[in-house]
Amino acid sequence: MRRGDKEKCDSRGFFAYKSANCMHLFNDQQLELMYVWRQDDRLFIEMLSRLRVGDVSDNLATFLEMRAEVYQTRVSTGGMTDLDVTHIFPHRERVKIHNRQCL
């Protein structure tokens, strides 16, 4: 879709499968992606999958807290900045805010 085509689509941020046009376009031929291609680490893939749906287990919370401590230590000692780490946000608006702050 080109930017000029926005008026032809619902761009209010809803999931595509909730769009009024989804069933019209795909009928019952919907597709579910089942394989992660960009990562090989099974534990990392599982953690990302859980984060996407807000399912934070004790192990995942502990891991994230540990990484936050490492990050804070490195930032406070000048070894890295906010630009040196990957940030994961649940919504596009928060991504936009973070990107503006980094620029």
PDB file of N, CA and C in Angstrom:
ATOM      1  N   MET A   1       0.840  -1.170   0.000  1.00  0.00           N
ATOM      2  CA  MET A   1       0.000   0.000   0.000  1.00  0.00           C
ATOM      3  C   MET A   1       0.889   1.238   0.000  1.00  0.00           C
ATOM      4  N   ARG A   2       0.603   2.144  -0.862  1.00  0.00           N
ATOM      5  CA  ARG A   2       1.317   3.422  -0.897  1.00  0.00           C
ATOM      6  C   ARG A   2       0.664   4.386   0.076  1.00  0.00           C
ATOM      7  N   ARG A   3       1.411   5.406   0.484  1.00  0.00           N
ATOM      8  CA  ARG A   3       0.866   6.377   1.448  1.00  0.00           C
ATOM      9  C   ARG A   3      -0.402   7.040   0.927  1.00  0.00           C
ATOM     10  N   GLY A   4      -0.490   7.290  -0.334  1.00  0.00           N
ATOM     11  CA  GLY A   4      -1.660   7.933  -0.907  1.00  0.00           C
ATOM     12  C   GLY A   4      -2.908   7.069  -0.862  1.00  0.00           C
ATOM     13  N   ASP A   5      -2.737   5.784  -0.560  1.00  0.00           N
ATOM     14  CA  ASP A   5      -3.870   4.858  -0.533  1.00  0.00           C
ATOM     15  C   ASP A   5      -4.526   4.761   0.840  1.00  0.00           C
ATOM     16  N   LYS A   6      -4.106   5.572   1.807  1.00  0.00           N
ATOM     17  CA  LYS A   6      -4.624   5.453   3.168  1.00  0.00           C
ATOM     18  C   LYS A   6      -6.137   5.610   3.241  1.00  0.00           C
ATOM     19  N   GLU A   7      -6.684   6.492   2.410  1.00  0.00           N
ATOM     20  CA  GLU A   7      -8.120   6.702   2.492  1.00  0.00           C
ATOM     21  C   GLU A   7      -8.910   5.481   2.033  1.00  0.00           C
ATOM     22  N   LYS A   8      -8.262   4.529   1.398  1.00  0.00           N
ATOM     23  CA  LYS A   8      -8.921   3.314   0.937  1.00  0.00           C
ATOM     24  C   LYS A   8      -8.908   2.221   2.000  1.00  0.00           C
ATOM     25  N   CYS A   9      -8.149   2.414   3.074  1.00  0.00           N
ATOM     26  CA  CYS A   9      -7.994   1.382   4.097  1.00  0.00           C
ATOM     27  C   CYS A   9      -8.320   1.935   5.469  1.00  0.00           C
ATOM     28  N   ASP A  10      -8.662   1.046   6.360  1.00  0.00           N
ATOM     29  CA  ASP A  10      -8.846   1.421   7.761  1.00  0.00           C
ATOM     30  C   ASP A  10      -7.460   1.454   8.390  1.00  0.00           C
ATOM     31  N   SER A  11      -6.956   2.635   8.678  1.00  0.00           N
ATOM     32  CA  SER A  11      -5.601   2.752   9.218  1.00  0.00           C
ATOM     33  C   SER A  11      -5.625   3.252  10.662  1.00  0.00           C
ATOM     34  N   ARG A  12      -6.679   2.927  11.398  1.00  0.00           N
ATOM     35  CA  ARG A  12      -6.811   3.384  12.778  1.00  0.00           C
ATOM     36  C   ARG A  12      -6.039   2.512  13.757  1.00  0.00           C
ATOM     37  N   GLY A  13      -5.267   1.559  13.289  1.00  0.00           N
ATOM     38  CA  GLY A  13      -4.421   0.766  14.159  1.00  0.00           C
ATOM     39  C   GLY A  13      -5.010  -0.547  14.611  1.00  0.00           C
ATOM     40  N   PHE A  14      -6.138  -0.979  14.052  1.00  0.00           N
ATOM     41  CA  PHE A  14      -6.707  -2.265  14.428  1.00  0.00           C
ATOM     42  C   PHE A  14      -5.930  -3.383  13.739  1.00  0.00           C
ATOM     43  N   PHE A  15      -6.032  -4.580  14.288  1.00  0.00           N
ATOM     44  CA  PHE A  15      -5.404  -5.729  13.655  1.00  0.00           C
ATOM     45  C   PHE A  15      -6.083  -5.986  12.315  1.00  0.00           C
ATOM     46  N   ALA A  16      -5.311  -6.445  11.347  1.00  0.00           N
ATOM     47  CA  ALA A  16      -5.862  -6.686  10.011  1.00  0.00           C
ATOM     48  C   ALA A  16      -7.032  -7.664  10.042  1.00  0.00           C
ATOM     49  N   TYR A  17      -6.934  -8.701  10.866  1.00  0.00           N
ATOM     50  CA  TYR A  17      -7.996  -9.703  10.902  1.00  0.00           C
ATOM     51  C   TYR A  17      -9.285  -9.162  11.515  1.00  0.00           C
ATOM     52  N   LYS A  18      -9.231  -7.987  12.144  1.00  0.00           N
ATOM     53  CA  LYS A  18     -10.439  -7.368  12.682  1.00  0.00           C
ATOM     54  C   LYS A  18     -11.054  -6.369  11.705  1.00  0.00           C
ATOM     55  N   SER A  19     -10.412  -6.171  10.590  1.00  0.00           N
ATOM     56  CA  SER A  19     -10.891  -5.236   9.585  1.00  0.00           C
ATOM     57  C   SER A  19     -12.202  -5.715   8.980  1.00  0.00           C
ATOM     58  N   ALA A  20     -13.071  -4.759   8.659  1.00  0.00           N
ATOM     59  CA  ALA A  20     -14.350  -5.095   8.023  1.00  0.00           C
ATOM     60  C   ALA A  20     -14.132  -5.752   6.668  1.00  0.00           C
ATOM     61  N   ASN A  21     -13.018  -5.456   6.035  1.00  0.00           N
ATOM     62  CA  ASN A  21     -12.753  -6.000   4.701  1.00  0.00           C
ATOM     63  C   ASN A  21     -12.034  -7.345   4.707  1.00  0.00           C
ATOM     64  N   CYS A  22     -11.580  -7.800   5.861  1.00  0.00           N
ATOM     65  CA  CYS A  22     -10.775  -9.018   5.915  1.00  0.00           C
ATOM     66  C   CYS A  22     -11.515 -10.223   5.346  1.00  0.00           C
ATOM     67  N   MET A  23     -12.700 -10.478   5.847  1.00  0.00           N
ATOM     68  CA  MET A  23     -13.458 -11.640   5.350  1.00  0.00           C
ATOM     69  C   MET A  23     -13.838 -11.457   3.891  1.00  0.00           C
ATOM     70  N   HIS A  24     -14.116 -10.232   3.506  1.00  0.00           N
ATOM     71  CA  HIS A  24     -14.453  -9.957   2.111  1.00  0.00           C
ATOM     72  C   HIS A  24     -13.278 -10.307   1.196  1.00  0.00           C
ATOM     73  N   LEU A  25     -12.082  -9.967   1.637  1.00  0.00           N
ATOM     74  CA  LEU A  25     -10.897 -10.207   0.812  1.00  0.00           C
ATOM     75  C   LEU A  25     -10.424 -11.653   0.837  1.00  0.00           C
ATOM     76  N   PHE A  26     -10.482 -12.303   2.012  1.00  0.00           N
ATOM     77  CA  PHE A  26      -9.870 -13.614   2.164  1.00  0.00           C
ATOM     78  C   PHE A  26     -10.856 -14.760   2.350  1.00  0.00           C
ATOM     79  N   ASN A  27     -12.124 -14.445   2.557  1.00  0.00           N
ATOM     80  CA  ASN A  27     -13.135 -15.469   2.812  1.00  0.00           C
ATOM     81  C   ASN A  27     -12.649 -16.411   3.905  1.00  0.00           C
ATOM     82  N   ASP A  28     -12.653 -17.701   3.661  1.00  0.00           N
ATOM     83  CA  ASP A  28     -12.194 -18.656   4.677  1.00  0.00           C
ATOM     84  C   ASP A  28     -10.773 -19.142   4.392  1.00  0.00           C
ATOM     85  N   GLN A  29     -10.038 -18.427   3.575  1.00  0.00           N
ATOM     86  CA  GLN A  29      -8.693 -18.840   3.180  1.00  0.00           C
ATOM     87  C   GLN A  29      -7.625 -18.077   3.963  1.00  0.00           C
ATOM     88  N   GLN A  30      -7.861 -17.883   5.241  1.00  0.00           N
ATOM     89  CA  GLN A  30      -6.889 -17.176   6.051  1.00  0.00           C
ATOM     90  C   GLN A  30      -5.692 -18.069   6.335  1.00  0.00           C
ATOM     91  N   LEU A  31      -4.591 -17.451   6.612  1.00  0.00           N
ATOM     92  CA  LEU A  31      -3.311 -18.122   6.751  1.00  0.00           C
ATOM     93  C   LEU A  31      -2.722 -17.798   8.121  1.00  0.00           C
ATOM     94  N   GLU A  32      -2.211 -18.795   8.811  1.00  0.00           N
ATOM     95  CA  GLU A  32      -1.548 -18.579  10.090  1.00  0.00           C
ATOM     96  C   GLU A  32      -0.074 -18.923   9.940  1.00  0.00           C
ATOM     97  N   LEU A  33       0.785 -17.954  10.235  1.00  0.00           N
ATOM     98  CA  LEU A  33       2.224 -18.189  10.155  1.00  0.00           C
ATOM     99  C   LEU A  33       2.655 -18.946  11.402  1.00  0.00           C
ATOM    100  N   MET A  34       3.375 -20.032  11.207  1.00  0.00           N
ATOM    101  CA  MET A  34       3.721 -20.916  12.317  1.00  0.00           C
ATOM    102  C   MET A  34       5.227 -20.993  12.596  1.00  0.00           C
ATOM    103  N   TYR A  35       6.061 -20.486  11.718  1.00  0.00           N
ATOM    104  CA  TYR A  35       7.499 -20.667  11.873  1.00  0.00           C
ATOM    105  C   TYR A  35       8.196 -19.311  11.968  1.00  0.00           C
ATOM    106  N   VAL A  36       9.113 -19.166  12.905  1.00  0.00           N
ATOM    107  CA  VAL A  36       9.911 -17.959  13.058  1.00  0.00           C
ATOM    108  C   VAL A  36      11.175 -18.131  12.223  1.00  0.00           C
ATOM    109  N   TRP A  37      11.409 -17.220  11.292  1.00  0.00           N
ATOM    110  CA  TRP A  37      12.542 -17.333  10.381  1.00  0.00           C
ATOM    111  C   TRP A  37      13.745 -16.498  10.794  1.00  0.00           C
ATOM    112  N   ARG A  38      13.558 -15.446  11.546  1.00  0.00           N
ATOM    113  CA  ARG A  38      14.647 -14.507  11.801  1.00  0.00           C
ATOM    114  C   ARG A  38      15.487 -14.835  13.028  1.00  0.00           C
ATOM    115  N   GLN A  39      15.030 -15.720  13.890  1.00  0.00           N
ATOM    116  CA  GLN A  39      15.797 -16.096  15.072  1.00  0.00           C
ATOM    117  C   GLN A  39      15.968 -17.609  15.106  1.00  0.00           C
ATOM    118  N   ASP A  40      17.102 -18.032  15.661  1.00  0.00           N
ATOM    119  CA  ASP A  40      17.370 -19.462  15.804  1.00  0.00           C
ATOM    120  C   ASP A  40      17.271 -19.921  17.255  1.00  0.00           C
ATOM    121  N   ASP A  41      17.408 -19.002  18.185  1.00  0.00           N
ATOM    122  CA  ASP A  41      17.431 -19.337  19.604  1.00  0.00           C
ATOM    123  C   ASP A  41      16.004 -19.613  20.078  1.00  0.00           C
ATOM    124  N   ARG A  42      15.714 -20.879  20.379  1.00  0.00           N
ATOM    125  CA  ARG A  42      14.351 -21.284  20.754  1.00  0.00           C
ATOM    126  C   ARG A  42      13.865 -20.567  22.018  1.00  0.00           C
ATOM    127  N   LEU A  43      14.751 -20.388  22.998  1.00  0.00           N
ATOM    128  CA  LEU A  43      14.362 -19.706  24.230  1.00  0.00           C
ATOM    129  C   LEU A  43      13.981 -18.250  23.937  1.00  0.00           C
ATOM    130  N   PHE A  44      14.769 -17.580  23.107  1.00  0.00           N
ATOM    131  CA  PHE A  44      14.493 -16.193  22.737  1.00  0.00           C
ATOM    132  C   PHE A  44      13.165 -16.103  21.988  1.00  0.00           C
ATOM    133  N   ILE A  45      12.921 -17.018  21.078  1.00  0.00           N
ATOM    134  CA  ILE A  45      11.666 -17.044  20.320  1.00  0.00           C
ATOM    135  C   ILE A  45      10.483 -17.219  21.270  1.00  0.00           C
ATOM    136  N   GLU A  46      10.617 -18.128  22.221  1.00  0.00           N
ATOM    137  CA  GLU A  46       9.537 -18.357  23.181  1.00  0.00           C
ATOM    138  C   GLU A  46       9.282 -17.108  24.033  1.00  0.00           C
ATOM    139  N   MET A  47      10.360 -16.456  24.476  1.00  0.00           N
ATOM    140  CA  MET A  47      10.202 -15.250  25.282  1.00  0.00           C
ATOM    141  C   MET A  47       9.494 -14.152  24.487  1.00  0.00           C
ATOM    142  N   LEU A  48       9.892 -13.946  23.238  1.00  0.00           N
ATOM    143  CA  LEU A  48       9.244 -12.926  22.410  1.00  0.00           C
ATOM    144  C   LEU A  48       7.769 -13.256  22.184  1.00  0.00           C
ATOM    145  N   SER A  49       7.471 -14.518  21.961  1.00  0.00           N
ATOM    146  CA  SER A  49       6.086 -14.932  21.751  1.00  0.00           C
ATOM    147  C   SER A  49       5.242 -14.643  22.985  1.00  0.00           C
ATOM    148  N   ARG A  50       5.793 -14.897  24.149  1.00  0.00           N
ATOM    149  CA  ARG A  50       5.062 -14.625  25.392  1.00  0.00           C
ATOM    150  C   ARG A  50       4.887 -13.122  25.606  1.00  0.00           C
ATOM    151  N   LEU A  51       5.939 -12.343  25.313  1.00  0.00           N
ATOM    152  CA  LEU A  51       5.841 -10.894  25.472  1.00  0.00           C
ATOM    153  C   LEU A  51       4.754 -10.312  24.574  1.00  0.00           C
ATOM    154  N   ARG A  52       4.626 -10.845  23.372  1.00  0.00           N
ATOM    155  CA  ARG A  52       3.629 -10.325  22.421  1.00  0.00           C
ATOM    156  C   ARG A  52       2.211 -10.395  22.962  1.00  0.00           C
ATOM    157  N   VAL A  53       1.935 -11.383  23.783  1.00  0.00           N
ATOM    158  CA  VAL A  53       0.576 -11.556  24.304  1.00  0.00           C
ATOM    159  C   VAL A  53       0.483 -11.192  25.783  1.00  0.00           C
ATOM    160  N   GLY A  54       1.561 -10.644  26.334  1.00  0.00           N
ATOM    161  CA  GLY A  54       1.541 -10.199  27.718  1.00  0.00           C
ATOM    162  C   GLY A  54       1.626 -11.315  28.745  1.00  0.00           C
ATOM    163  N   ASP A  55       2.130 -12.474  28.347  1.00  0.00           N
ATOM    164  CA  ASP A  55       2.268 -13.613  29.259  1.00  0.00           C
ATOM    165  C   ASP A  55       3.699 -13.625  29.811  1.00  0.00           C
ATOM    166  N   VAL A  56       3.883 -13.001  30.962  1.00  0.00           N
ATOM    167  CA  VAL A  56       5.219 -12.885  31.536  1.00  0.00           C
ATOM    168  C   VAL A  56       5.345 -13.858  32.706  1.00  0.00           C
ATOM    169  N   SER A  57       6.041 -14.957  32.460  1.00  0.00           N
ATOM    170  CA  SER A  57       6.270 -15.958  33.500  1.00  0.00           C
ATOM    171  C   SER A  57       7.306 -15.436  34.496  1.00  0.00           C
ATOM    172  N   ASP A  58       7.455 -16.133  35.611  1.00  0.00           N
ATOM    173  CA  ASP A  58       8.470 -15.750  36.600  1.00  0.00           C
ATOM    174  C   ASP A  58       9.865 -15.795  35.991  1.00  0.00           C
ATOM    175  N   ASN A  59      10.131 -16.824  35.173  1.00  0.00           N
ATOM    176  CA  ASN A  59      11.447 -16.947  34.543  1.00  0.00           C
ATOM    177  C   ASN A  59      11.706 -15.787  33.586  1.00  0.00           C
ATOM    178  N   LEU A  60      10.693 -15.418  32.818  1.00  0.00           N
ATOM    179  CA  LEU A  60      10.856 -14.314  31.874  1.00  0.00           C
ATOM    180  C   LEU A  60      11.049 -12.996  32.626  1.00  0.00           C
ATOM    181  N   ALA A  61      10.277 -12.782  33.678  1.00  0.00           N
ATOM    182  CA  ALA A  61      10.425 -11.553  34.469  1.00  0.00           C
ATOM    183  C   ALA A  61      11.823 -11.470  35.078  1.00  0.00           C
ATOM    184  N   THR A  62      12.318 -12.583  35.601  1.00  0.00           N
ATOM    185  CA  THR A  62      13.661 -12.619  36.181  1.00  0.00           C
ATOM    186  C   THR A  62      14.712 -12.300  35.126  1.00  0.00           C
ATOM    187  N   PHE A  63      14.568 -12.900  33.954  1.00  0.00           N
ATOM    188  CA  PHE A  63      15.514 -12.643  32.867  1.00  0.00           C
ATOM    189  C   PHE A  63      15.501 -11.166  32.471  1.00  0.00           C
ATOM    190  N   LEU A  64      14.316 -10.594  32.304  1.00  0.00           N
ATOM    191  CA  LEU A  64      14.214  -9.192  31.905  1.00  0.00           C
ATOM    192  C   LEU A  64      14.784  -8.266  32.970  1.00  0.00           C
ATOM    193  N   GLU A  65      14.534  -8.579  34.243  1.00  0.00           N
ATOM    194  CA  GLU A  65      15.095  -7.771  35.324  1.00  0.00           C
ATOM    195  C   GLU A  65      16.612  -7.851  35.339  1.00  0.00           C
ATOM    196  N   MET A  66      17.159  -9.043  35.103  1.00  0.00           N
ATOM    197  CA  MET A  66      18.605  -9.218  35.059  1.00  0.00           C
ATOM    198  C   MET A  66      19.211  -8.394  33.922  1.00  0.00           C
ATOM    199  N   ARG A  67      18.572  -8.442  32.759  1.00  0.00           N
ATOM    200  CA  ARG A  67      19.079  -7.677  31.608  1.00  0.00           C
ATOM    201  C   ARG A  67      18.980  -6.182  31.869  1.00  0.00           C
ATOM    202  N   ALA A  68      17.912  -5.751  32.553  1.00  0.00           N
ATOM    203  CA  ALA A  68      17.759  -4.329  32.880  1.00  0.00           C
ATOM    204  C   ALA A  68      18.888  -3.866  33.797  1.00  0.00           C
ATOM    205  N   GLU A  69      19.262  -4.715  34.766  1.00  0.00           N
ATOM    206  CA  GLU A  69      20.362  -4.370  35.672  1.00  0.00           C
ATOM    207  C   GLU A  69      21.679  -4.246  34.914  1.00  0.00           C
ATOM    208  N   VAL A  70      21.930  -5.175  34.008  1.00  0.00           N
ATOM    209  CA  VAL A  70      23.157  -5.124  33.202  1.00  0.00           C
ATOM    210  C   VAL A  70      23.161  -3.854  32.365  1.00  0.00           C
ATOM    211  N   TYR A  71      22.047  -3.558  31.758  1.00  0.00           N
ATOM    212  CA  TYR A  71      21.923  -2.365  30.918  1.00  0.00           C
ATOM    213  C   TYR A  71      22.177  -1.102  31.743  1.00  0.00           C
ATOM    214  N   GLN A  72      21.516  -0.995  32.905  1.00  0.00           N
ATOM    215  CA  GLN A  72      21.680   0.194  33.746  1.00  0.00           C
ATOM    216  C   GLN A  72      23.126   0.362  34.192  1.00  0.00           C
ATOM    217  N   THR A  73      23.784  -0.734  34.520  1.00  0.00           N
ATOM    218  CA  THR A  73      25.191  -0.674  34.927  1.00  0.00           C
ATOM    219  C   THR A  73      26.053  -0.160  33.785  1.00  0.00           C
ATOM    220  N   ARG A  74      25.833  -0.669  32.602  1.00  0.00           N
ATOM    221  CA  ARG A  74      26.644  -0.250  31.454  1.00  0.00           C
ATOM    222  C   ARG A  74      26.377   1.200  31.075  1.00  0.00           C
ATOM    223  N   VAL A  75      25.140   1.641  31.187  1.00  0.00           N
ATOM    224  CA  VAL A  75      24.818   3.037  30.882  1.00  0.00           C
ATOM    225  C   VAL A  75      25.471   3.951  31.911  1.00  0.00           C
ATOM    226  N   SER A  76      25.361   3.593  33.190  1.00  0.00           N
ATOM    227  CA  SER A  76      25.899   4.455  34.253  1.00  0.00           C
ATOM    228  C   SER A  76      27.420   4.545  34.209  1.00  0.00           C
ATOM    229  N   THR A  77      28.095   3.533  33.667  1.00  0.00           N
ATOM    230  CA  THR A  77      29.559   3.578  33.570  1.00  0.00           C
ATOM    231  C   THR A  77      30.034   4.130  32.236  1.00  0.00           C
ATOM    232  N   GLY A  78      29.091   4.513  31.371  1.00  0.00           N
ATOM    233  CA  GLY A  78      29.459   5.092  30.081  1.00  0.00           C
ATOM    234  C   GLY A  78      29.794   4.059  29.028  1.00  0.00           C
ATOM    235  N   GLY A  79      29.544   2.791  29.314  1.00  0.00           N
ATOM    236  CA  GLY A  79      29.882   1.735  28.360  1.00  0.00           C
ATOM    237  C   GLY A  79      28.885   1.568  27.235  1.00  0.00           C
ATOM    238  N   MET A  80      27.683   2.086  27.411  1.00  0.00           N
ATOM    239  CA  MET A  80      26.686   1.998  26.335  1.00  0.00           C
ATOM    240  C   MET A  80      25.651   3.094  26.548  1.00  0.00           C
ATOM    241  N   THR A  81      24.879   3.335  25.506  1.00  0.00           N
ATOM    242  CA  THR A  81      23.803   4.319  25.582  1.00  0.00           C
ATOM    243  C   THR A  81      22.483   3.645  25.228  1.00  0.00           C
ATOM    244  N   ASP A  82      21.412   4.393  25.320  1.00  0.00           N
ATOM    245  CA  ASP A  82      20.083   3.898  24.982  1.00  0.00           C
ATOM    246  C   ASP A  82      20.012   3.432  23.526  1.00  0.00           C
ATOM    247  N   LEU A  83      20.885   3.952  22.690  1.00  0.00           N
ATOM    248  CA  LEU A  83      20.895   3.590  21.272  1.00  0.00           C
ATOM    249  C   LEU A  83      21.549   2.235  21.030  1.00  0.00           C
ATOM    250  N   ASP A  84      22.249   1.698  22.020  1.00  0.00           N
ATOM    251  CA  ASP A  84      22.997   0.457  21.853  1.00  0.00           C
ATOM    252  C   ASP A  84      22.186  -0.807  22.112  1.00  0.00           C
ATOM    253  N   VAL A  85      20.951  -0.658  22.539  1.00  0.00           N
ATOM    254  CA  VAL A  85      20.148  -1.832  22.871  1.00  0.00           C
ATOM    255  C   VAL A  85      18.854  -1.845  22.077  1.00  0.00           C
ATOM    256  N   THR A  86      18.312  -3.024  21.903  1.00  0.00           N
ATOM    257  CA  THR A  86      17.029  -3.187  21.228  1.00  0.00           C
ATOM    258  C   THR A  86      15.915  -2.974  22.237  1.00  0.00           C
ATOM    259  N   HIS A  87      14.932  -2.179  21.868  1.00  0.00           N
ATOM    260  CA  HIS A  87      13.783  -1.924  22.723  1.00  0.00           C
ATOM    261  C   HIS A  87      12.561  -2.593  22.107  1.00  0.00           C
ATOM    262  N   ILE A  88      11.722  -3.173  22.948  1.00  0.00           N
ATOM    263  CA  ILE A  88      10.500  -3.827  22.485  1.00  0.00           C
ATOM    264  C   ILE A  88       9.323  -3.102  23.127  1.00  0.00           C
ATOM    265  N   PHE A  89       8.422  -2.602  22.292  1.00  0.00           N
ATOM    266  CA  PHE A  89       7.252  -1.884  22.770  1.00  0.00           C
ATOM    267  C   PHE A  89       5.987  -2.555  22.262  1.00  0.00           C
ATOM    268  N   PRO A  90       4.912  -2.506  23.036  1.00  0.00           N
ATOM    269  CA  PRO A  90       3.679  -3.185  22.625  1.00  0.00           C
ATOM    270  C   PRO A  90       2.873  -2.430  21.578  1.00  0.00           C
ATOM    271  N   HIS A  91       3.115  -1.126  21.421  1.00  0.00           N
ATOM    272  CA  HIS A  91       2.300  -0.344  20.489  1.00  0.00           C
ATOM    273  C   HIS A  91       3.177   0.576  19.646  1.00  0.00           C
ATOM    274  N   ARG A  92       2.718   0.837  18.429  1.00  0.00           N
ATOM    275  CA  ARG A  92       3.475   1.684  17.508  1.00  0.00           C
ATOM    276  C   ARG A  92       3.695   3.093  18.043  1.00  0.00           C
ATOM    277  N   GLU A  93       2.718   3.627  18.767  1.00  0.00           N
ATOM    278  CA  GLU A  93       2.849   4.993  19.278  1.00  0.00           C
ATOM    279  C   GLU A  93       4.035   5.106  20.227  1.00  0.00           C
ATOM    280  N   ARG A  94       4.229   4.110  21.065  1.00  0.00           N
ATOM    281  CA  ARG A  94       5.379   4.124  21.986  1.00  0.00           C
ATOM    282  C   ARG A  94       6.685   4.001  21.212  1.00  0.00           C
ATOM    283  N   VAL A  95       6.686   3.242  20.130  1.00  0.00           N
ATOM    284  CA  VAL A  95       7.873   3.127  19.266  1.00  0.00           C
ATOM    285  C   VAL A  95       8.203   4.493  18.670  1.00  0.00           C
ATOM    286  N   LYS A  96       7.184   5.187  18.181  1.00  0.00           N
ATOM    287  CA  LYS A  96       7.402   6.520  17.596  1.00  0.00           C
ATOM    288  C   LYS A  96       7.994   7.484  18.618  1.00  0.00           C
ATOM    289  N   ILE A  97       7.467   7.458  19.842  1.00  0.00           N
ATOM    290  CA  ILE A  97       7.974   8.339  20.896  1.00  0.00           C
ATOM    291  C   ILE A  97       9.442   8.030  21.179  1.00  0.00           C
ATOM    292  N   HIS A  98       9.746   6.747  21.315  1.00  0.00           N
ATOM    293  CA  HIS A  98      11.138   6.352  21.601  1.00  0.00           C
ATOM    294  C   HIS A  98      12.063   6.762  20.453  1.00  0.00           C
ATOM    295  N   ASN A  99      11.636   6.528  19.227  1.00  0.00           N
ATOM    296  CA  ASN A  99      12.478   6.895  18.081  1.00  0.00           C
ATOM    297  C   ASN A  99      12.728   8.390  18.025  1.00  0.00           C
ATOM    298  N   ARG A 100      11.702   9.198  18.321  1.00  0.00           N
ATOM    299  CA  ARG A 100      11.875  10.659  18.342  1.00  0.00           C
ATOM    300  C   ARG A 100      12.882  11.057  19.431  1.00  0.00           C
ATOM    301  N   GLN A 101      12.790  10.410  20.586  1.00  0.00           N
ATOM    302  CA  GLN A 101      13.730  10.729  21.679  1.00  0.00           C
ATOM    303  C   GLN A 101      15.161  10.384  21.282  1.00  0.00           C
ATOM    304  N   CYS A 102      15.326   9.288  20.580  1.00  0.00           N
ATOM    305  CA  CYS A 102      16.683   8.877  20.172  1.00  0.00           C
ATOM    306  C   CYS A 102      17.258   9.790  19.096  1.00  0.00           C
ATOM    307  N   LEU A 103      16.396  10.306  18.229  1.00  0.00           N
ATOM    308  CA  LEU A 103      16.887  11.200  17.170  1.00  0.00           C
ATOM    309  C   LEU A 103      17.287  12.550  17.752  1.00  0.00           C
TER     310      LEU A 103
END
